[in-house]
Protein backbone atom coordinates (compact mmCIF):
# COMPACT_ATOMS: atom_id res chain seq x y z
CA UNK A 1 96.78 97.77 129.85
CA UNK A 2 95.37 99.85 127.05
CA UNK A 3 93.55 98.64 123.95
CA UNK A 4 92.30 100.37 120.84
CA UNK A 5 89.33 98.30 119.72
CA UNK A 6 87.98 98.62 116.20
CA UNK A 7 84.80 97.00 114.94
CA UNK A 8 85.79 95.48 111.61
CA UNK A 9 84.50 93.57 108.65
CA UNK A 10 87.73 91.66 108.11
CA UNK A 11 91.31 92.33 109.20
CA UNK A 12 94.75 90.84 108.65
CA UNK A 13 98.35 91.28 109.69
CA UNK A 14 101.29 90.52 107.39
CA UNK A 15 104.95 90.05 108.37
CA UNK A 16 107.62 89.78 105.64
CA UNK A 17 104.96 89.07 103.01
CA UNK A 18 103.33 86.28 105.06
CA UNK A 19 99.84 86.61 106.54
CA UNK A 20 100.33 85.66 110.20
CA UNK A 21 96.84 86.51 111.47
CA UNK A 22 93.50 87.10 109.77
CA UNK A 23 89.83 87.34 110.60
CA UNK A 24 87.10 87.23 107.98
CA UNK A 25 83.80 89.00 108.39
CA UNK A 26 82.49 90.79 111.43
CA UNK A 27 84.76 90.97 114.48
CA UNK A 28 87.20 93.13 116.39
CA UNK A 29 90.74 94.27 115.62
CA UNK A 30 92.44 95.00 118.94
CA UNK A 31 95.73 96.86 119.38
CA UNK A 32 97.12 96.12 122.87
CA UNK A 33 99.66 98.21 124.77
CA UNK A 34 101.29 97.17 128.05
CA UNK A 35 102.73 99.45 130.73
CA UNK A 36 105.09 98.71 133.64
CA UNK A 37 102.54 97.84 136.33
CA UNK A 38 100.37 95.51 134.25
CA UNK A 39 99.78 91.97 135.51
CA UNK A 40 98.32 88.66 134.31
CA UNK A 41 95.18 89.57 136.25
CA UNK A 42 94.82 92.76 134.22
CA UNK A 43 95.34 90.73 131.04
CA UNK A 44 92.48 88.42 132.07
CA UNK A 45 90.29 91.42 132.89
CA UNK A 46 91.01 92.95 129.47
CA UNK A 47 90.20 89.65 127.75
CA UNK A 48 86.85 89.43 129.53
CA UNK A 49 86.05 93.01 128.53
CA UNK A 50 87.00 92.42 124.88
CA UNK A 51 84.92 89.24 124.71
CA UNK A 52 81.85 90.90 126.21
CA UNK A 53 81.95 94.55 125.09
CA UNK A 54 78.74 95.28 123.14
CA UNK A 55 79.98 97.22 120.13
CA UNK A 56 79.03 94.91 117.29
CA UNK A 57 75.86 95.68 115.31
CA UNK A 58 72.68 95.31 117.32
CA UNK A 59 74.61 96.03 120.54
CA UNK A 60 76.04 92.52 120.44
CA UNK A 61 79.40 91.29 121.69
CA UNK A 62 81.89 88.83 120.26
CA UNK A 63 80.60 86.31 122.79
CA UNK A 64 77.01 86.80 121.55
CA UNK A 65 77.94 86.26 117.90
CA UNK A 66 81.02 84.01 118.19
CA UNK A 67 82.80 86.81 116.33
CA UNK A 68 86.60 86.55 115.96
CA UNK A 69 89.24 88.94 117.29
CA UNK A 70 92.61 89.90 115.82
CA UNK A 71 94.91 90.91 118.70
CA UNK A 72 98.07 92.85 117.87
CA UNK A 73 100.71 94.13 120.31
CA UNK A 74 101.44 97.84 119.98
CA UNK A 75 103.82 99.53 122.42
CA UNK A 76 103.17 102.90 120.75
CA UNK A 77 99.82 103.11 122.60
CA UNK A 78 101.91 104.28 125.55
CA UNK A 79 103.79 106.90 123.55
CA UNK A 80 103.79 110.44 124.93
CA UNK A 81 104.04 113.33 122.46
CA UNK A 82 103.00 116.16 124.79
CA UNK A 83 106.47 117.71 124.81
CA UNK A 84 108.54 118.46 121.76
CA UNK A 85 108.16 116.76 118.41
CA UNK A 86 109.49 113.31 119.23
CA UNK A 87 107.35 110.93 121.31
CA UNK A 88 108.83 109.17 124.33
CA UNK A 89 108.09 105.52 125.09
CA UNK A 90 108.91 105.58 128.82
CA UNK A 91 105.44 104.37 129.85
CA UNK A 92 105.59 101.31 127.56
CA UNK A 93 106.74 98.10 129.22
CA UNK A 94 109.86 96.47 127.73
CA UNK A 95 109.35 93.49 125.45
CA UNK A 96 110.27 90.88 128.05
CA UNK A 97 107.43 92.20 130.25
CA UNK A 98 104.92 93.04 127.51
CA UNK A 99 105.08 89.93 125.34
CA UNK A 100 103.90 87.42 127.95
CA UNK A 101 101.06 89.75 128.95
CA UNK A 102 99.82 90.16 125.38
CA UNK A 103 100.06 86.38 125.05
CA UNK A 104 98.01 86.09 128.25
CA UNK A 105 95.25 88.30 126.80
CA UNK A 106 95.05 85.94 123.82
CA UNK A 107 95.17 82.83 126.02
CA UNK A 108 92.37 84.16 128.21
CA UNK A 109 90.24 85.03 125.17
CA UNK A 110 90.67 81.49 123.88
CA UNK A 111 89.83 80.09 127.33
CA UNK A 112 86.57 82.07 127.14
CA UNK A 113 85.81 80.41 123.80
CA UNK A 114 86.98 83.15 121.43
CA UNK A 115 88.57 82.60 118.05
CA UNK A 116 91.58 84.90 118.49
CA UNK A 117 94.20 85.51 115.82
CA UNK A 118 97.43 87.41 116.48
CA UNK A 119 100.21 89.40 114.97
CA UNK A 120 103.87 88.65 115.70
CA UNK A 121 105.34 90.39 118.73
CA UNK A 122 108.14 92.84 117.93
CA UNK A 123 107.86 92.37 114.17
CA UNK A 124 107.34 95.05 111.52
CA UNK A 125 103.66 94.31 110.89
CA UNK A 126 101.42 95.54 108.10
CA UNK A 127 97.85 95.69 109.40
CA UNK A 128 94.90 95.90 107.02
CA UNK A 129 91.30 96.23 108.10
CA UNK A 130 87.91 97.49 107.10
CA UNK A 131 86.65 99.57 110.01
CA UNK A 132 82.91 98.97 110.22
CA UNK A 133 81.07 102.17 111.10
CA UNK A 134 83.70 103.50 111.59
CA UNK A 135 83.62 102.37 115.19
CA UNK A 136 86.67 102.64 117.45
CA UNK A 137 86.89 102.72 121.26
CA UNK A 138 89.70 102.79 123.82
CA UNK A 139 89.55 100.27 126.67
CA UNK A 140 91.81 100.56 129.73
CA UNK A 141 92.07 98.19 132.68
């Protein structure tokens, strides 16, 4: 699994004019990509990392501050544009594999005590955020 993690001061995701997920104030906006060999165990590992990674101000984590997370599926994280001008998506898991694993990341975050909001899998989402820093890291498990 691969995640692009952005420290934010507010973020939201809108589908067809409806806000389906939103966090207010300090937290993390997390774009999650799934590849073919990912497992529920990797989803749990990613959730633990997201909950405890110390990238909020003062080297704090979401668990330290009870900060919320907005988790959004994004298959394009496994796009490959090294050849030609059109990316390939061969490394991205198909929806029937990826969706339950993204859901598992969210479920595991909530089990850890996180307030986790989500986008809508497979939808055309409009993501808005205020990147705080800016501060963005890539996490792979």
